[in-house]
Amino acid sequence: MGTAIIIVLLAAACVYAAYSYVKKLRKGGGCCGEHEETVKKIRVADRDKSHYPYRAVVRIEGMTCGNCANRVQNALNAMEGTWAEVSLGDRQAVLRLKQAPDEAAIRKTVSALGYTVLSVR
């Protein structure tokens, strides 16, 4: 009888572990919250590089996962005339711009998400 109870408890633990793992795969996890959906990248409508004569590289501190990078990229892409590509590994965003870079607007956009802009060049 005792063995049957132990087997049932082990089976329940395995089922719970499998459920938790699948839930984490579906919902994301890590630094941005265990129960948040994975942030999907929003692409810019105008993807013709010749329309973006200006360029800026923004060094960003505080991004720790893919969701962080996607949030920053989406916010920068939402700015008028901006096409951003964010690299989590390099901790930077490369911006293509239709107008000269507005450093204050870039800093404000990234700071509003809770990240720190180290430099804009």
PDB file of N, CA and C in Angstrom:
ATOM      1  N   MET A   1       0.823  -1.196   0.000  1.00  0.00           N
ATOM      2  CA  MET A   1       0.000   0.000   0.000  1.00  0.00           C
ATOM      3  C   MET A   1       0.867   1.260   0.000  1.00  0.00           C
ATOM      4  N   GLY A   2       1.932   1.250   0.805  1.00  0.00           N
ATOM      5  CA  GLY A   2       2.836   2.394   0.866  1.00  0.00           C
ATOM      6  C   GLY A   2       3.534   2.647  -0.464  1.00  0.00           C
ATOM      7  N   THR A   3       3.892   1.582  -1.163  1.00  0.00           N
ATOM      8  CA  THR A   3       4.551   1.705  -2.463  1.00  0.00           C
ATOM      9  C   THR A   3       3.602   2.343  -3.482  1.00  0.00           C
ATOM     10  N   ALA A   4       2.350   1.971  -3.456  1.00  0.00           N
ATOM     11  CA  ALA A   4       1.367   2.528  -4.387  1.00  0.00           C
ATOM     12  C   ALA A   4       1.206   4.027  -4.170  1.00  0.00           C
ATOM     13  N   ILE A   5       1.212   4.464  -2.916  1.00  0.00           N
ATOM     14  CA  ILE A   5       1.085   5.890  -2.613  1.00  0.00           C
ATOM     15  C   ILE A   5       2.297   6.646  -3.138  1.00  0.00           C
ATOM     16  N   ILE A   6       3.485   6.091  -2.952  1.00  0.00           N
ATOM     17  CA  ILE A   6       4.711   6.736  -3.443  1.00  0.00           C
ATOM     18  C   ILE A   6       4.695   6.825  -4.963  1.00  0.00           C
ATOM     19  N   ILE A   7       4.251   5.775  -5.628  1.00  0.00           N
ATOM     20  CA  ILE A   7       4.197   5.785  -7.097  1.00  0.00           C
ATOM     21  C   ILE A   7       3.202   6.839  -7.578  1.00  0.00           C
ATOM     22  N   VAL A   8       2.067   6.953  -6.926  1.00  0.00           N
ATOM     23  CA  VAL A   8       1.066   7.954  -7.301  1.00  0.00           C
ATOM     24  C   VAL A   8       1.628   9.365  -7.097  1.00  0.00           C
ATOM     25  N   LEU A   9       2.312   9.594  -5.991  1.00  0.00           N
ATOM     26  CA  LEU A   9       2.909  10.906  -5.742  1.00  0.00           C
ATOM     27  C   LEU A   9       3.979  11.243  -6.778  1.00  0.00           C
ATOM     28  N   LEU A  10       4.823  10.270  -7.117  1.00  0.00           N
ATOM     29  CA  LEU A  10       5.853  10.498  -8.150  1.00  0.00           C
ATOM     30  C   LEU A  10       5.217  10.782  -9.509  1.00  0.00           C
ATOM     31  N   ALA A  11       4.170  10.056  -9.846  1.00  0.00           N
ATOM     32  CA  ALA A  11       3.477  10.287 -11.115  1.00  0.00           C
ATOM     33  C   ALA A  11       2.866  11.678 -11.140  1.00  0.00           C
ATOM     34  N   ALA A  12       2.256  12.098 -10.028  1.00  0.00           N
ATOM     35  CA  ALA A  12       1.671  13.437  -9.955  1.00  0.00           C
ATOM     36  C   ALA A  12       2.749  14.505 -10.109  1.00  0.00           C
ATOM     37  N   ALA A  13       3.904  14.302  -9.485  1.00  0.00           N
ATOM     38  CA  ALA A  13       5.009  15.261  -9.608  1.00  0.00           C
ATOM     39  C   ALA A  13       5.496  15.339 -11.046  1.00  0.00           C
ATOM     40  N   CYS A  14       5.587  14.218 -11.730  1.00  0.00           N
ATOM     41  CA  CYS A  14       6.026  14.213 -13.135  1.00  0.00           C
ATOM     42  C   CYS A  14       5.020  14.929 -14.034  1.00  0.00           C
ATOM     43  N   VAL A  15       3.737  14.693 -13.808  1.00  0.00           N
ATOM     44  CA  VAL A  15       2.704  15.357 -14.603  1.00  0.00           C
ATOM     45  C   VAL A  15       2.762  16.868 -14.376  1.00  0.00           C
ATOM     46  N   TYR A  16       2.909  17.287 -13.129  1.00  0.00           N
ATOM     47  CA  TYR A  16       2.997  18.709 -12.820  1.00  0.00           C
ATOM     48  C   TYR A  16       4.235  19.345 -13.459  1.00  0.00           C
ATOM     49  N   ALA A  17       5.366  18.642 -13.405  1.00  0.00           N
ATOM     50  CA  ALA A  17       6.593  19.161 -14.008  1.00  0.00           C
ATOM     51  C   ALA A  17       6.427  19.318 -15.516  1.00  0.00           C
ATOM     52  N   ALA A  18       5.827  18.333 -16.169  1.00  0.00           N
ATOM     53  CA  ALA A  18       5.605  18.406 -17.616  1.00  0.00           C
ATOM     54  C   ALA A  18       4.658  19.561 -17.949  1.00  0.00           C
ATOM     55  N   TYR A  19       3.599  19.723 -17.169  1.00  0.00           N
ATOM     56  CA  TYR A  19       2.641  20.816 -17.373  1.00  0.00           C
ATOM     57  C   TYR A  19       3.333  22.177 -17.236  1.00  0.00           C
ATOM     58  N   SER A  20       4.137  22.332 -16.204  1.00  0.00           N
ATOM     59  CA  SER A  20       4.847  23.596 -15.974  1.00  0.00           C
ATOM     60  C   SER A  20       5.809  23.900 -17.108  1.00  0.00           C
ATOM     61  N   TYR A  21       6.509  22.896 -17.596  1.00  0.00           N
ATOM     62  CA  TYR A  21       7.472  23.086 -18.681  1.00  0.00           C
ATOM     63  C   TYR A  21       6.762  23.517 -19.963  1.00  0.00           C
ATOM     64  N   VAL A  22       5.669  22.852 -20.302  1.00  0.00           N
ATOM     65  CA  VAL A  22       4.918  23.201 -21.509  1.00  0.00           C
ATOM     66  C   VAL A  22       4.343  24.614 -21.377  1.00  0.00           C
ATOM     67  N   LYS A  23       3.856  24.956 -20.204  1.00  0.00           N
ATOM     68  CA  LYS A  23       3.310  26.298 -19.971  1.00  0.00           C
ATOM     69  C   LYS A  23       4.389  27.360 -20.160  1.00  0.00           C
ATOM     70  N   LYS A  24       5.587  27.084 -19.659  1.00  0.00           N
ATOM     71  CA  LYS A  24       6.687  28.037 -19.815  1.00  0.00           C
ATOM     72  C   LYS A  24       7.060  28.197 -21.283  1.00  0.00           C
ATOM     73  N   LEU A  25       7.060  27.108 -22.040  1.00  0.00           N
ATOM     74  CA  LEU A  25       7.366  27.192 -23.470  1.00  0.00           C
ATOM     75  C   LEU A  25       6.334  28.032 -24.212  1.00  0.00           C
ATOM     76  N   ARG A  26       5.078  27.902 -23.840  1.00  0.00           N
ATOM     77  CA  ARG A  26       4.015  28.635 -24.520  1.00  0.00           C
ATOM     78  C   ARG A  26       3.952  30.093 -24.107  1.00  0.00           C
ATOM     79  N   LYS A  27       4.132  30.367 -22.853  1.00  0.00           N
ATOM     80  CA  LYS A  27       3.927  31.699 -22.313  1.00  0.00           C
ATOM     81  C   LYS A  27       5.195  32.510 -22.139  1.00  0.00           C
ATOM     82  N   GLY A  28       6.336  31.954 -22.380  1.00  0.00           N
ATOM     83  CA  GLY A  28       7.569  32.677 -22.123  1.00  0.00           C
ATOM     84  C   GLY A  28       7.953  32.520 -20.671  1.00  0.00           C
ATOM     85  N   GLY A  29       8.775  33.381 -20.203  1.00  0.00           N
ATOM     86  CA  GLY A  29       9.208  33.296 -18.823  1.00  0.00           C
ATOM     87  C   GLY A  29      10.464  34.111 -18.647  1.00  0.00           C
ATOM     88  N   GLY A  30      11.140  33.881 -17.581  1.00  0.00           N
ATOM     89  CA  GLY A  30      12.373  34.598 -17.330  1.00  0.00           C
ATOM     90  C   GLY A  30      12.108  35.950 -16.718  1.00  0.00           C
ATOM     91  N   CYS A  31      12.893  36.935 -17.109  1.00  0.00           N
ATOM     92  CA  CYS A  31      12.870  38.233 -16.446  1.00  0.00           C
ATOM     93  C   CYS A  31      11.586  39.011 -16.682  1.00  0.00           C
ATOM     94  N   CYS A  32      10.904  38.751 -17.757  1.00  0.00           N
ATOM     95  CA  CYS A  32       9.753  39.575 -18.125  1.00  0.00           C
ATOM     96  C   CYS A  32       8.434  39.024 -17.602  1.00  0.00           C
ATOM     97  N   GLY A  33       8.482  38.105 -16.708  1.00  0.00           N
ATOM     98  CA  GLY A  33       7.255  37.592 -16.117  1.00  0.00           C
ATOM     99  C   GLY A  33       6.933  36.200 -16.592  1.00  0.00           C
ATOM    100  N   GLU A  34       6.557  35.363 -15.688  1.00  0.00           N
ATOM    101  CA  GLU A  34       6.279  33.966 -16.001  1.00  0.00           C
ATOM    102  C   GLU A  34       4.998  33.797 -16.799  1.00  0.00           C
ATOM    103  N   HIS A  35       4.069  34.728 -16.662  1.00  0.00           N
ATOM    104  CA  HIS A  35       2.760  34.511 -17.252  1.00  0.00           C
ATOM    105  C   HIS A  35       2.461  35.457 -18.401  1.00  0.00           C
ATOM    106  N   GLU A  36       3.480  36.017 -19.004  1.00  0.00           N
ATOM    107  CA  GLU A  36       3.277  36.910 -20.141  1.00  0.00           C
ATOM    108  C   GLU A  36       3.482  36.146 -21.434  1.00  0.00           C
ATOM    109  N   GLU A  37       2.728  36.531 -22.434  1.00  0.00           N
ATOM    110  CA  GLU A  37       2.923  35.970 -23.765  1.00  0.00           C
ATOM    111  C   GLU A  37       4.257  36.464 -24.309  1.00  0.00           C
ATOM    112  N   THR A  38       4.847  35.703 -25.198  1.00  0.00           N
ATOM    113  CA  THR A  38       6.061  36.125 -25.852  1.00  0.00           C
ATOM    114  C   THR A  38       5.745  37.345 -26.719  1.00  0.00           C
ATOM    115  N   VAL A  39       6.590  38.362 -26.615  1.00  0.00           N
ATOM    116  CA  VAL A  39       6.384  39.592 -27.372  1.00  0.00           C
ATOM    117  C   VAL A  39       6.746  39.336 -28.830  1.00  0.00           C
ATOM    118  N   LYS A  40       5.814  39.620 -29.720  1.00  0.00           N
ATOM    119  CA  LYS A  40       6.054  39.424 -31.149  1.00  0.00           C
ATOM    120  C   LYS A  40       6.628  40.701 -31.752  1.00  0.00           C
ATOM    121  N   LYS A  41       7.568  40.542 -32.671  1.00  0.00           N
ATOM    122  CA  LYS A  41       8.171  41.693 -33.331  1.00  0.00           C
ATOM    123  C   LYS A  41       7.171  42.333 -34.282  1.00  0.00           C
ATOM    124  N   ILE A  42       7.152  43.650 -34.254  1.00  0.00           N
ATOM    125  CA  ILE A  42       6.336  44.415 -35.190  1.00  0.00           C
ATOM    126  C   ILE A  42       7.277  44.938 -36.267  1.00  0.00           C
ATOM    127  N   ARG A  43       6.978  44.615 -37.489  1.00  0.00           N
ATOM    128  CA  ARG A  43       7.839  45.020 -38.599  1.00  0.00           C
ATOM    129  C   ARG A  43       7.396  46.378 -39.145  1.00  0.00           C
ATOM    130  N   VAL A  44       8.359  47.144 -39.633  1.00  0.00           N
ATOM    131  CA  VAL A  44       8.038  48.435 -40.233  1.00  0.00           C
ATOM    132  C   VAL A  44       7.423  48.218 -41.608  1.00  0.00           C
ATOM    133  N   ALA A  45       6.572  49.130 -42.011  1.00  0.00           N
ATOM    134  CA  ALA A  45       5.893  49.007 -43.302  1.00  0.00           C
ATOM    135  C   ALA A  45       6.855  49.281 -44.464  1.00  0.00           C
ATOM    136  N   ASP A  46       7.692  50.302 -44.327  1.00  0.00           N
ATOM    137  CA  ASP A  46       8.626  50.693 -45.388  1.00  0.00           C
ATOM    138  C   ASP A  46       9.978  50.025 -45.134  1.00  0.00           C
ATOM    139  N   ARG A  47      10.259  48.966 -45.883  1.00  0.00           N
ATOM    140  CA  ARG A  47      11.496  48.219 -45.674  1.00  0.00           C
ATOM    141  C   ARG A  47      12.524  48.485 -46.786  1.00  0.00           C
ATOM    142  N   ASP A  48      12.387  49.608 -47.458  1.00  0.00           N
ATOM    143  CA  ASP A  48      13.348  49.995 -48.491  1.00  0.00           C
ATOM    144  C   ASP A  48      14.462  50.807 -47.829  1.00  0.00           C
ATOM    145  N   LYS A  49      15.650  50.225 -47.760  1.00  0.00           N
ATOM    146  CA  LYS A  49      16.772  50.852 -47.054  1.00  0.00           C
ATOM    147  C   LYS A  49      17.156  52.198 -47.643  1.00  0.00           C
ATOM    148  N   SER A  50      16.888  52.406 -48.921  1.00  0.00           N
ATOM    149  CA  SER A  50      17.263  53.673 -49.546  1.00  0.00           C
ATOM    150  C   SER A  50      16.423  54.842 -49.019  1.00  0.00           C
ATOM    151  N   HIS A  51      15.309  54.560 -48.376  1.00  0.00           N
ATOM    152  CA  HIS A  51      14.459  55.617 -47.810  1.00  0.00           C
ATOM    153  C   HIS A  51      14.947  56.089 -46.443  1.00  0.00           C
ATOM    154  N   TYR A  52      15.981  55.458 -45.938  1.00  0.00           N
ATOM    155  CA  TYR A  52      16.496  55.777 -44.596  1.00  0.00           C
ATOM    156  C   TYR A  52      17.955  56.249 -44.707  1.00  0.00           C
ATOM    157  N   PRO A  53      18.172  57.531 -44.997  1.00  0.00           N
ATOM    158  CA  PRO A  53      19.543  58.010 -45.205  1.00  0.00           C
ATOM    159  C   PRO A  53      20.366  58.175 -43.924  1.00  0.00           C
ATOM    160  N   TYR A  54      19.727  58.246 -42.774  1.00  0.00           N
ATOM    161  CA  TYR A  54      20.445  58.457 -41.515  1.00  0.00           C
ATOM    162  C   TYR A  54      20.549  57.156 -40.735  1.00  0.00           C
ATOM    163  N   ARG A  55      21.555  57.116 -39.864  1.00  0.00           N
ATOM    164  CA  ARG A  55      21.794  55.915 -39.070  1.00  0.00           C
ATOM    165  C   ARG A  55      22.234  56.316 -37.670  1.00  0.00           C
ATOM    166  N   ALA A  56      21.805  55.545 -36.680  1.00  0.00           N
ATOM    167  CA  ALA A  56      22.234  55.770 -35.300  1.00  0.00           C
ATOM    168  C   ALA A  56      22.397  54.413 -34.616  1.00  0.00           C
ATOM    169  N   VAL A  57      23.370  54.348 -33.733  1.00  0.00           N
ATOM    170  CA  VAL A  57      23.577  53.143 -32.925  1.00  0.00           C
ATOM    171  C   VAL A  57      23.320  53.537 -31.473  1.00  0.00           C
ATOM    172  N   VAL A  58      22.396  52.840 -30.837  1.00  0.00           N
ATOM    173  CA  VAL A  58      21.987  53.147 -29.468  1.00  0.00           C
ATOM    174  C   VAL A  58      22.429  51.989 -28.565  1.00  0.00           C
ATOM    175  N   ARG A  59      23.296  52.296 -27.615  1.00  0.00           N
ATOM    176  CA  ARG A  59      23.718  51.281 -26.628  1.00  0.00           C
ATOM    177  C   ARG A  59      22.727  51.310 -25.480  1.00  0.00           C
ATOM    178  N   ILE A  60      22.187  50.125 -25.141  1.00  0.00           N
ATOM    179  CA  ILE A  60      21.101  50.027 -24.164  1.00  0.00           C
ATOM    180  C   ILE A  60      21.497  49.063 -23.050  1.00  0.00           C
ATOM    181  N   GLU A  61      21.266  49.481 -21.827  1.00  0.00           N
ATOM    182  CA  GLU A  61      21.555  48.644 -20.656  1.00  0.00           C
ATOM    183  C   GLU A  61      20.241  48.169 -20.048  1.00  0.00           C
ATOM    184  N   GLY A  62      20.215  46.918 -19.606  1.00  0.00           N
ATOM    185  CA  GLY A  62      19.057  46.404 -18.889  1.00  0.00           C
ATOM    186  C   GLY A  62      18.277  45.337 -19.622  1.00  0.00           C
ATOM    187  N   MET A  63      18.542  45.115 -20.904  1.00  0.00           N
ATOM    188  CA  MET A  63      17.853  44.057 -21.634  1.00  0.00           C
ATOM    189  C   MET A  63      18.487  42.719 -21.243  1.00  0.00           C
ATOM    190  N   THR A  64      17.652  41.777 -20.831  1.00  0.00           N
ATOM    191  CA  THR A  64      18.195  40.495 -20.387  1.00  0.00           C
ATOM    192  C   THR A  64      17.626  39.286 -21.118  1.00  0.00           C
ATOM    193  N   CYS A  65      16.624  39.496 -21.969  1.00  0.00           N
ATOM    194  CA  CYS A  65      16.047  38.355 -22.685  1.00  0.00           C
ATOM    195  C   CYS A  65      15.489  38.820 -24.030  1.00  0.00           C
ATOM    196  N   GLY A  66      15.031  37.872 -24.807  1.00  0.00           N
ATOM    197  CA  GLY A  66      14.458  38.185 -26.111  1.00  0.00           C
ATOM    198  C   GLY A  66      13.222  39.060 -26.028  1.00  0.00           C
ATOM    199  N   ASN A  67      12.415  38.878 -24.984  1.00  0.00           N
ATOM    200  CA  ASN A  67      11.236  39.727 -24.821  1.00  0.00           C
ATOM    201  C   ASN A  67      11.640  41.180 -24.607  1.00  0.00           C
ATOM    202  N   CYS A  68      12.708  41.401 -23.835  1.00  0.00           N
ATOM    203  CA  CYS A  68      13.197  42.769 -23.615  1.00  0.00           C
ATOM    204  C   CYS A  68      13.586  43.395 -24.954  1.00  0.00           C
ATOM    205  N   ALA A  69      14.366  42.654 -25.734  1.00  0.00           N
ATOM    206  CA  ALA A  69      14.824  43.160 -27.030  1.00  0.00           C
ATOM    207  C   ALA A  69      13.646  43.438 -27.957  1.00  0.00           C
ATOM    208  N   ASN A  70      12.659  42.558 -27.966  1.00  0.00           N
ATOM    209  CA  ASN A  70      11.490  42.768 -28.821  1.00  0.00           C
ATOM    210  C   ASN A  70      10.687  43.988 -28.389  1.00  0.00           C
ATOM    211  N   ARG A  71      10.579  44.213 -27.086  1.00  0.00           N
ATOM    212  CA  ARG A  71       9.861  45.403 -26.596  1.00  0.00           C
ATOM    213  C   ARG A  71      10.544  46.690 -27.062  1.00  0.00           C
ATOM    214  N   VAL A  72      11.872  46.722 -26.929  1.00  0.00           N
ATOM    215  CA  VAL A  72      12.626  47.905 -27.346  1.00  0.00           C
ATOM    216  C   VAL A  72      12.483  48.104 -28.851  1.00  0.00           C
ATOM    217  N   GLN A  73      12.646  47.032 -29.607  1.00  0.00           N
ATOM    218  CA  GLN A  73      12.548  47.134 -31.067  1.00  0.00           C
ATOM    219  C   GLN A  73      11.167  47.610 -31.483  1.00  0.00           C
ATOM    220  N   ASN A  74      10.123  47.069 -30.891  1.00  0.00           N
ATOM    221  CA  ASN A  74       8.763  47.491 -31.241  1.00  0.00           C
ATOM    222  C   ASN A  74       8.528  48.964 -30.926  1.00  0.00           C
ATOM    223  N   ALA A  75       9.018  49.421 -29.773  1.00  0.00           N
ATOM    224  CA  ALA A  75       8.839  50.826 -29.396  1.00  0.00           C
ATOM    225  C   ALA A  75       9.585  51.746 -30.349  1.00  0.00           C
ATOM    226  N   LEU A  76      10.808  51.374 -30.715  1.00  0.00           N
ATOM    227  CA  LEU A  76      11.576  52.211 -31.645  1.00  0.00           C
ATOM    228  C   LEU A  76      10.953  52.195 -33.039  1.00  0.00           C
ATOM    229  N   ASN A  77      10.469  51.037 -33.477  1.00  0.00           N
ATOM    230  CA  ASN A  77       9.827  50.952 -34.788  1.00  0.00           C
ATOM    231  C   ASN A  77       8.522  51.747 -34.836  1.00  0.00           C
ATOM    232  N   ALA A  78       7.905  51.966 -33.680  1.00  0.00           N
ATOM    233  CA  ALA A  78       6.671  52.754 -33.632  1.00  0.00           C
ATOM    234  C   ALA A  78       6.940  54.247 -33.817  1.00  0.00           C
ATOM    235  N   MET A  79       8.198  54.667 -33.652  1.00  0.00           N
ATOM    236  CA  MET A  79       8.544  56.072 -33.869  1.00  0.00           C
ATOM    237  C   MET A  79       8.468  56.373 -35.372  1.00  0.00           C
ATOM    238  N   GLU A  80       7.984  57.532 -35.704  1.00  0.00           N
ATOM    239  CA  GLU A  80       7.825  57.928 -37.104  1.00  0.00           C
ATOM    240  C   GLU A  80       9.166  57.949 -37.829  1.00  0.00           C
ATOM    241  N   GLY A  81       9.244  57.278 -38.978  1.00  0.00           N
ATOM    242  CA  GLY A  81      10.442  57.304 -39.813  1.00  0.00           C
ATOM    243  C   GLY A  81      11.625  56.533 -39.252  1.00  0.00           C
ATOM    244  N   THR A  82      11.358  55.527 -38.420  1.00  0.00           N
ATOM    245  CA  THR A  82      12.433  54.775 -37.792  1.00  0.00           C
ATOM    246  C   THR A  82      12.289  53.290 -38.095  1.00  0.00           C
ATOM    247  N   TRP A  83      13.414  52.660 -38.414  1.00  0.00           N
ATOM    248  CA  TRP A  83      13.476  51.210 -38.608  1.00  0.00           C
ATOM    249  C   TRP A  83      14.581  50.714 -37.690  1.00  0.00           C
ATOM    250  N   ALA A  84      14.211  49.981 -36.665  1.00  0.00           N
ATOM    251  CA  ALA A  84      15.167  49.532 -35.651  1.00  0.00           C
ATOM    252  C   ALA A  84      15.400  48.029 -35.742  1.00  0.00           C
ATOM    253  N   GLU A  85      16.629  47.649 -35.469  1.00  0.00           N
ATOM    254  CA  GLU A  85      16.999  46.248 -35.311  1.00  0.00           C
ATOM    255  C   GLU A  85      17.791  46.162 -34.012  1.00  0.00           C
ATOM    256  N   VAL A  86      17.268  45.433 -33.034  1.00  0.00           N
ATOM    257  CA  VAL A  86      17.881  45.352 -31.715  1.00  0.00           C
ATOM    258  C   VAL A  86      18.615  44.028 -31.572  1.00  0.00           C
ATOM    259  N   SER A  87      19.834  44.113 -31.043  1.00  0.00           N
ATOM    260  CA  SER A  87      20.650  42.932 -30.786  1.00  0.00           C
ATOM    261  C   SER A  87      20.836  42.781 -29.278  1.00  0.00           C
ATOM    262  N   LEU A  88      20.299  41.703 -28.747  1.00  0.00           N
ATOM    263  CA  LEU A  88      20.430  41.448 -27.314  1.00  0.00           C
ATOM    264  C   LEU A  88      21.883  41.163 -26.957  1.00  0.00           C
ATOM    265  N   GLY A  89      22.572  40.399 -27.786  1.00  0.00           N
ATOM    266  CA  GLY A  89      23.971  40.056 -27.518  1.00  0.00           C
ATOM    267  C   GLY A  89      24.882  41.267 -27.484  1.00  0.00           C
ATOM    268  N   ASP A  90      24.658  42.200 -28.398  1.00  0.00           N
ATOM    269  CA  ASP A  90      25.481  43.413 -28.442  1.00  0.00           C
ATOM    270  C   ASP A  90      24.937  44.499 -27.523  1.00  0.00           C
ATOM    271  N   ARG A  91      23.741  44.300 -27.012  1.00  0.00           N
ATOM    272  CA  ARG A  91      23.058  45.268 -26.149  1.00  0.00           C
ATOM    273  C   ARG A  91      22.951  46.633 -26.828  1.00  0.00           C
ATOM    274  N   GLN A  92      22.523  46.573 -28.084  1.00  0.00           N
ATOM    275  CA  GLN A  92      22.386  47.821 -28.826  1.00  0.00           C
ATOM    276  C   GLN A  92      21.287  47.710 -29.866  1.00  0.00           C
ATOM    277  N   ALA A  93      20.851  48.878 -30.321  1.00  0.00           N
ATOM    278  CA  ALA A  93      19.877  48.968 -31.398  1.00  0.00           C
ATOM    279  C   ALA A  93      20.515  49.760 -32.531  1.00  0.00           C
ATOM    280  N   VAL A  94      20.390  49.244 -33.725  1.00  0.00           N
ATOM    281  CA  VAL A  94      20.847  49.966 -34.913  1.00  0.00           C
ATOM    282  C   VAL A  94      19.594  50.543 -35.564  1.00  0.00           C
ATOM    283  N   LEU A  95      19.568  51.863 -35.681  1.00  0.00           N
ATOM    284  CA  LEU A  95      18.408  52.560 -36.228  1.00  0.00           C
ATOM    285  C   LEU A  95      18.707  53.093 -37.613  1.00  0.00           C
ATOM    286  N   ARG A  96      17.783  52.870 -38.516  1.00  0.00           N
ATOM    287  CA  ARG A  96      17.788  53.552 -39.811  1.00  0.00           C
ATOM    288  C   ARG A  96      16.699  54.607 -39.692  1.00  0.00           C
ATOM    289  N   LEU A  97      17.030  55.818 -40.111  1.00  0.00           N
ATOM    290  CA  LEU A  97      16.113  56.939 -39.901  1.00  0.00           C
ATOM    291  C   LEU A  97      15.887  57.712 -41.190  1.00  0.00           C
ATOM    292  N   LYS A  98      14.681  58.211 -41.354  1.00  0.00           N
ATOM    293  CA  LYS A  98      14.353  59.046 -42.502  1.00  0.00           C
ATOM    294  C   LYS A  98      14.747  60.495 -42.262  1.00  0.00           C
ATOM    295  N   GLN A  99      14.901  60.876 -40.991  1.00  0.00           N
ATOM    296  CA  GLN A  99      15.304  62.226 -40.615  1.00  0.00           C
ATOM    297  C   GLN A  99      16.499  62.117 -39.673  1.00  0.00           C
ATOM    298  N   ALA A 100      17.157  63.246 -39.451  1.00  0.00           N
ATOM    299  CA  ALA A 100      18.294  63.252 -38.528  1.00  0.00           C
ATOM    300  C   ALA A 100      17.846  62.721 -37.162  1.00  0.00           C
ATOM    301  N   PRO A 101      18.706  61.970 -36.484  1.00  0.00           N
ATOM    302  CA  PRO A 101      18.313  61.372 -35.199  1.00  0.00           C
ATOM    303  C   PRO A 101      17.948  62.421 -34.152  1.00  0.00           C
ATOM    304  N   ASP A 102      16.851  62.180 -33.470  1.00  0.00           N
ATOM    305  CA  ASP A 102      16.423  63.014 -32.340  1.00  0.00           C
ATOM    306  C   ASP A 102      16.787  62.244 -31.077  1.00  0.00           C
ATOM    307  N   GLU A 103      17.969  62.551 -30.541  1.00  0.00           N
ATOM    308  CA  GLU A 103      18.497  61.797 -29.405  1.00  0.00           C
ATOM    309  C   GLU A 103      17.554  61.833 -28.209  1.00  0.00           C
ATOM    310  N   ALA A 104      16.938  62.960 -27.950  1.00  0.00           N
ATOM    311  CA  ALA A 104      16.035  63.080 -26.799  1.00  0.00           C
ATOM    312  C   ALA A 104      14.830  62.150 -26.952  1.00  0.00           C
ATOM    313  N   ALA A 105      14.258  62.078 -28.152  1.00  0.00           N
ATOM    314  CA  ALA A 105      13.096  61.215 -28.387  1.00  0.00           C
ATOM    315  C   ALA A 105      13.478  59.738 -28.267  1.00  0.00           C
ATOM    316  N   ILE A 106      14.655  59.404 -28.762  1.00  0.00           N
ATOM    317  CA  ILE A 106      15.126  58.019 -28.666  1.00  0.00           C
ATOM    318  C   ILE A 106      15.316  57.641 -27.203  1.00  0.00           C
ATOM    319  N   ARG A 107      15.984  58.502 -26.450  1.00  0.00           N
ATOM    320  CA  ARG A 107      16.209  58.234 -25.017  1.00  0.00           C
ATOM    321  C   ARG A 107      14.883  58.110 -24.264  1.00  0.00           C
ATOM    322  N   LYS A 108      13.937  58.989 -24.580  1.00  0.00           N
ATOM    323  CA  LYS A 108      12.639  58.979 -23.901  1.00  0.00           C
ATOM    324  C   LYS A 108      11.888  57.675 -24.197  1.00  0.00           C
ATOM    325  N   THR A 109      11.916  57.241 -25.447  1.00  0.00           N
ATOM    326  CA  THR A 109      11.213  56.015 -25.846  1.00  0.00           C
ATOM    327  C   THR A 109      11.770  54.799 -25.122  1.00  0.00           C
ATOM    328  N   VAL A 110      13.096  54.679 -25.082  1.00  0.00           N
ATOM    329  CA  VAL A 110      13.726  53.523 -24.440  1.00  0.00           C
ATOM    330  C   VAL A 110      13.575  53.603 -22.924  1.00  0.00           C
ATOM    331  N   SER A 111      13.732  54.784 -22.361  1.00  0.00           N
ATOM    332  CA  SER A 111      13.610  54.960 -20.909  1.00  0.00           C
ATOM    333  C   SER A 111      12.197  54.664 -20.416  1.00  0.00           C
ATOM    334  N   ALA A 112      11.195  54.960 -21.234  1.00  0.00           N
ATOM    335  CA  ALA A 112       9.812  54.691 -20.853  1.00  0.00           C
ATOM    336  C   ALA A 112       9.559  53.201 -20.652  1.00  0.00           C
ATOM    337  N   LEU A 113      10.375  52.369 -21.279  1.00  0.00           N
ATOM    338  CA  LEU A 113      10.246  50.915 -21.123  1.00  0.00           C
ATOM    339  C   LEU A 113      10.994  50.396 -19.904  1.00  0.00           C
ATOM    340  N   GLY A 114      11.808  51.258 -19.290  1.00  0.00           N
ATOM    341  CA  GLY A 114      12.543  50.850 -18.101  1.00  0.00           C
ATOM    342  C   GLY A 114      13.987  50.461 -18.361  1.00  0.00           C
ATOM    343  N   TYR A 115      14.498  50.777 -19.537  1.00  0.00           N
ATOM    344  CA  TYR A 115      15.886  50.465 -19.878  1.00  0.00           C
ATOM    345  C   TYR A 115      16.696  51.759 -19.907  1.00  0.00           C
ATOM    346  N   THR A 116      17.999  51.637 -19.849  1.00  0.00           N
ATOM    347  CA  THR A 116      18.891  52.799 -19.794  1.00  0.00           C
ATOM    348  C   THR A 116      19.637  52.946 -21.113  1.00  0.00           C
ATOM    349  N   VAL A 117      19.599  54.127 -21.683  1.00  0.00           N
ATOM    350  CA  VAL A 117      20.373  54.414 -22.895  1.00  0.00           C
ATOM    351  C   VAL A 117      21.752  54.890 -22.439  1.00  0.00           C
ATOM    352  N   LEU A 118      22.782  54.149 -22.840  1.00  0.00           N
ATOM    353  CA  LEU A 118      24.146  54.515 -22.481  1.00  0.00           C
ATOM    354  C   LEU A 118      24.714  55.539 -23.454  1.00  0.00           C
ATOM    355  N   SER A 119      24.415  55.368 -24.740  1.00  0.00           N
ATOM    356  CA  SER A 119      24.924  56.319 -25.734  1.00  0.00           C
ATOM    357  C   SER A 119      24.092  56.226 -27.005  1.00  0.00           C
ATOM    358  N   VAL A 120      24.092  57.317 -27.745  1.00  0.00           N
ATOM    359  CA  VAL A 120      23.487  57.391 -29.070  1.00  0.00           C
ATOM    360  C   VAL A 120      24.547  57.992 -29.974  1.00  0.00           C
ATOM    361  N   ARG A 121      24.947  57.261 -30.983  1.00  0.00           N
ATOM    362  CA  ARG A 121      25.946  57.797 -31.914  1.00  0.00           C
ATOM    363  C   ARG A 121      25.541  57.514 -33.343  1.00  0.00           C
TER     364      ARG A 121
END
